[in-house]
N, C-alpha and C. Protein backbone atom coordinates (compact mmCIF):
# COMPACT_ATOMS: atom_id res chain seq x y z
N UNK A 1 0.84 -1.17 0.00
CA UNK A 1 0.00 0.00 0.00
C UNK A 1 0.89 1.24 0.00
N UNK A 2 0.48 2.19 -0.72
CA UNK A 2 1.20 3.46 -0.78
C UNK A 2 0.35 4.53 -0.11
N UNK A 3 0.98 5.34 0.74
CA UNK A 3 0.29 6.43 1.42
C UNK A 3 0.89 7.75 0.98
N UNK A 4 0.04 8.74 0.87
CA UNK A 4 0.49 10.10 0.57
C UNK A 4 0.13 10.99 1.73
N UNK A 5 1.07 11.82 2.15
CA UNK A 5 0.84 12.76 3.25
C UNK A 5 0.95 14.18 2.74
N UNK A 6 0.09 15.02 3.24
CA UNK A 6 0.21 16.44 2.96
C UNK A 6 0.64 17.11 4.26
N UNK A 7 1.79 17.76 4.21
CA UNK A 7 2.33 18.43 5.39
C UNK A 7 2.62 19.88 5.06
N UNK A 8 2.46 20.77 6.02
CA UNK A 8 2.84 22.16 5.79
C UNK A 8 4.34 22.25 5.51
N UNK A 9 4.72 23.19 4.67
CA UNK A 9 6.12 23.33 4.27
C UNK A 9 7.07 23.50 5.45
N UNK A 10 6.66 24.28 6.46
CA UNK A 10 7.55 24.48 7.61
C UNK A 10 7.78 23.18 8.37
N UNK A 11 6.76 22.33 8.41
CA UNK A 11 6.90 21.02 9.06
C UNK A 11 7.87 20.16 8.25
N UNK A 12 7.72 20.17 6.95
CA UNK A 12 8.62 19.40 6.08
C UNK A 12 10.06 19.86 6.29
N UNK A 13 10.30 21.17 6.30
CA UNK A 13 11.65 21.69 6.48
C UNK A 13 12.23 21.28 7.84
N UNK A 14 11.41 21.36 8.87
CA UNK A 14 11.87 20.95 10.20
C UNK A 14 12.25 19.49 10.25
N UNK A 15 11.43 18.64 9.63
CA UNK A 15 11.73 17.21 9.61
C UNK A 15 12.95 16.91 8.76
N UNK A 16 13.09 17.60 7.64
CA UNK A 16 14.25 17.37 6.77
C UNK A 16 15.55 17.78 7.45
N UNK A 17 15.48 18.73 8.37
CA UNK A 17 16.69 19.10 9.12
C UNK A 17 17.12 17.96 10.04
N UNK A 18 16.16 17.23 10.55
CA UNK A 18 16.46 16.12 11.45
C UNK A 18 16.75 14.83 10.68
N UNK A 19 15.96 14.58 9.66
CA UNK A 19 16.10 13.35 8.87
C UNK A 19 16.55 13.72 7.46
N UNK A 20 17.67 13.19 7.04
CA UNK A 20 18.15 13.47 5.68
C UNK A 20 17.22 12.85 4.64
N UNK A 21 16.67 11.70 4.95
CA UNK A 21 15.75 11.00 4.05
C UNK A 21 14.37 11.04 4.71
N UNK A 22 13.57 12.04 4.37
CA UNK A 22 12.28 12.25 5.02
C UNK A 22 11.34 11.05 4.89
N UNK A 23 11.16 10.46 3.70
CA UNK A 23 10.27 9.29 3.61
C UNK A 23 10.73 8.14 4.52
N UNK A 24 12.04 7.91 4.59
CA UNK A 24 12.56 6.84 5.46
C UNK A 24 12.32 7.18 6.93
N UNK A 25 12.52 8.43 7.29
CA UNK A 25 12.29 8.85 8.66
C UNK A 25 10.85 8.64 9.09
N UNK A 26 9.93 8.97 8.21
CA UNK A 26 8.50 8.77 8.50
C UNK A 26 8.21 7.27 8.63
N UNK A 27 8.74 6.48 7.71
CA UNK A 27 8.53 5.03 7.74
C UNK A 27 9.06 4.43 9.04
N UNK A 28 10.27 4.82 9.44
CA UNK A 28 10.85 4.31 10.67
C UNK A 28 10.04 4.73 11.89
N UNK A 29 9.54 5.96 11.89
CA UNK A 29 8.73 6.43 13.01
C UNK A 29 7.44 5.63 13.13
N UNK A 30 6.82 5.34 12.01
CA UNK A 30 5.60 4.53 12.02
C UNK A 30 5.92 3.12 12.53
N UNK A 31 7.03 2.57 12.07
CA UNK A 31 7.43 1.23 12.51
C UNK A 31 7.69 1.20 14.02
N UNK A 32 8.41 2.20 14.52
CA UNK A 32 8.70 2.25 15.95
C UNK A 32 7.44 2.37 16.79
N UNK A 33 6.58 3.30 16.43
CA UNK A 33 5.34 3.49 17.20
C UNK A 33 4.44 2.28 17.07
N UNK A 34 4.40 1.69 15.89
CA UNK A 34 3.60 0.48 15.72
C UNK A 34 4.09 -0.65 16.60
N UNK A 35 5.41 -0.80 16.70
CA UNK A 35 5.98 -1.85 17.55
C UNK A 35 5.75 -1.55 19.02
N UNK A 36 6.03 -0.30 19.42
CA UNK A 36 5.85 0.09 20.84
C UNK A 36 4.41 -0.12 21.30
N UNK A 37 3.46 0.19 20.43
CA UNK A 37 2.05 0.09 20.81
C UNK A 37 1.51 -1.33 20.71
N UNK A 38 2.29 -2.24 20.13
CA UNK A 38 1.83 -3.62 19.97
C UNK A 38 1.05 -3.85 18.69
N UNK A 39 0.93 -2.82 17.85
CA UNK A 39 0.20 -2.97 16.60
C UNK A 39 1.00 -3.76 15.57
N UNK A 40 2.33 -3.73 15.70
CA UNK A 40 3.21 -4.44 14.77
C UNK A 40 4.10 -5.42 15.51
N UNK A 41 4.36 -6.55 14.87
CA UNK A 41 5.31 -7.52 15.42
C UNK A 41 6.72 -7.17 14.92
N UNK A 42 7.69 -7.82 15.52
CA UNK A 42 9.06 -7.61 15.07
C UNK A 42 9.23 -8.05 13.61
N UNK A 43 8.56 -9.10 13.23
CA UNK A 43 8.61 -9.59 11.85
C UNK A 43 8.02 -8.56 10.89
N UNK A 44 6.93 -7.95 11.28
CA UNK A 44 6.32 -6.92 10.43
C UNK A 44 7.24 -5.70 10.30
N UNK A 45 7.88 -5.33 11.38
CA UNK A 45 8.84 -4.22 11.33
C UNK A 45 9.99 -4.58 10.40
N UNK A 46 10.47 -5.83 10.49
CA UNK A 46 11.57 -6.28 9.62
C UNK A 46 11.19 -6.13 8.15
N UNK A 47 10.02 -6.61 7.79
CA UNK A 47 9.57 -6.53 6.40
C UNK A 47 9.33 -5.09 5.98
N UNK A 48 8.72 -4.33 6.85
CA UNK A 48 8.39 -2.94 6.56
C UNK A 48 9.64 -2.12 6.25
N UNK A 49 10.71 -2.35 7.01
CA UNK A 49 11.94 -1.58 6.85
C UNK A 49 12.94 -2.24 5.89
N UNK A 50 12.61 -3.43 5.40
CA UNK A 50 13.46 -4.09 4.43
C UNK A 50 14.70 -4.73 5.01
N UNK A 51 14.66 -5.07 6.30
CA UNK A 51 15.80 -5.75 6.92
C UNK A 51 15.77 -7.23 6.58
N UNK A 52 16.94 -7.83 6.49
CA UNK A 52 17.03 -9.23 6.15
C UNK A 52 16.95 -10.17 7.34
N UNK A 53 17.30 -9.66 8.52
CA UNK A 53 17.35 -10.54 9.70
C UNK A 53 16.72 -9.87 10.92
N UNK A 54 16.39 -10.70 11.88
CA UNK A 54 15.85 -10.22 13.15
C UNK A 54 16.91 -9.43 13.91
N UNK A 55 18.17 -9.81 13.75
CA UNK A 55 19.27 -9.11 14.42
C UNK A 55 19.31 -7.65 13.99
N UNK A 56 19.07 -7.39 12.72
CA UNK A 56 19.03 -6.01 12.23
C UNK A 56 17.90 -5.23 12.88
N UNK A 57 16.75 -5.90 13.04
CA UNK A 57 15.61 -5.24 13.69
C UNK A 57 15.94 -4.96 15.15
N UNK A 58 16.55 -5.93 15.83
CA UNK A 58 16.96 -5.72 17.22
C UNK A 58 17.87 -4.50 17.34
N UNK A 59 18.83 -4.39 16.43
CA UNK A 59 19.74 -3.24 16.44
C UNK A 59 18.99 -1.93 16.22
N UNK A 60 18.07 -1.93 15.28
CA UNK A 60 17.27 -0.74 15.01
C UNK A 60 16.46 -0.35 16.24
N UNK A 61 15.79 -1.32 16.87
CA UNK A 61 14.98 -1.03 18.04
C UNK A 61 15.83 -0.51 19.19
N UNK A 62 16.98 -1.15 19.42
CA UNK A 62 17.86 -0.71 20.50
C UNK A 62 18.40 0.69 20.24
N UNK A 63 18.72 0.97 19.00
CA UNK A 63 19.22 2.30 18.63
C UNK A 63 18.20 3.38 18.97
N UNK A 64 16.93 3.00 18.96
CA UNK A 64 15.86 3.96 19.23
C UNK A 64 15.26 3.78 20.63
N UNK A 65 15.99 3.09 21.50
CA UNK A 65 15.56 2.96 22.89
C UNK A 65 14.39 2.04 23.14
N UNK A 66 14.16 1.10 22.25
CA UNK A 66 13.07 0.14 22.43
C UNK A 66 13.70 -1.21 22.75
N UNK A 67 13.49 -1.65 23.99
CA UNK A 67 14.06 -2.91 24.43
C UNK A 67 12.95 -3.90 24.67
N UNK A 68 13.12 -5.08 24.16
CA UNK A 68 12.10 -6.12 24.25
C UNK A 68 12.64 -7.26 25.10
N UNK A 69 12.94 -6.96 26.35
CA UNK A 69 13.52 -7.95 27.26
C UNK A 69 12.64 -7.99 28.50
N UNK A 70 11.98 -9.12 28.70
CA UNK A 70 11.02 -9.25 29.79
C UNK A 70 11.64 -9.93 31.00
N UNK A 71 10.91 -9.94 32.09
CA UNK A 71 11.34 -10.66 33.30
C UNK A 71 11.46 -12.15 33.01
N UNK A 72 10.59 -12.67 32.16
CA UNK A 72 10.68 -14.08 31.77
C UNK A 72 11.99 -14.34 31.06
N UNK A 73 12.40 -13.43 30.18
CA UNK A 73 13.68 -13.56 29.49
C UNK A 73 14.83 -13.57 30.50
N UNK A 74 14.76 -12.67 31.48
CA UNK A 74 15.80 -12.60 32.51
C UNK A 74 15.89 -13.91 33.28
N UNK A 75 14.77 -14.43 33.71
CA UNK A 75 14.77 -15.70 34.45
C UNK A 75 15.33 -16.84 33.60
N UNK A 76 14.97 -16.86 32.33
CA UNK A 76 15.50 -17.89 31.43
C UNK A 76 17.01 -17.77 31.32
N UNK A 77 17.52 -16.56 31.16
CA UNK A 77 18.96 -16.35 31.07
C UNK A 77 19.67 -16.73 32.36
N UNK A 78 19.05 -16.41 33.51
CA UNK A 78 19.66 -16.78 34.79
C UNK A 78 19.74 -18.30 34.94
N UNK A 79 18.69 -18.98 34.54
CA UNK A 79 18.68 -20.45 34.62
C UNK A 79 19.76 -21.03 33.71
N UNK A 80 19.91 -20.48 32.53
CA UNK A 80 20.95 -20.94 31.60
C UNK A 80 22.33 -20.76 32.22
N UNK A 81 22.56 -19.62 32.85
CA UNK A 81 23.86 -19.37 33.50
C UNK A 81 24.10 -20.36 34.63
N UNK A 82 23.06 -20.66 35.41
CA UNK A 82 23.21 -21.64 36.51
C UNK A 82 23.61 -23.01 35.94
N UNK A 83 22.97 -23.38 34.84
CA UNK A 83 23.29 -24.67 34.21
C UNK A 83 24.71 -24.71 33.70
N UNK A 84 25.19 -23.59 33.18
CA UNK A 84 26.56 -23.53 32.68
C UNK A 84 27.59 -23.60 33.80
N UNK A 85 27.23 -23.09 34.98
CA UNK A 85 28.14 -23.12 36.13
C UNK A 85 28.28 -24.52 36.71
N UNK A 86 27.28 -25.36 36.49
CA UNK A 86 27.32 -26.72 37.08
C UNK A 86 28.25 -27.63 36.34
């Protein structure tokens, strides 16, 4: 699907100062908010942004302060470490 946005010129100029590639910046912002809100999965973000691997998506999310590490993940990692110590 293709979307067209109409933005005031001053808004466009302000965004272009922050993002060199305005369409990519908008796409990434939609992907981030979609993921944060639960509307998009990591796989959907991967496809949307054209990444080849989940690792690339993880890097993108971390770069933007989005961490997907739960208490369950922590407990699993702790158990793995205990098993390795034995």
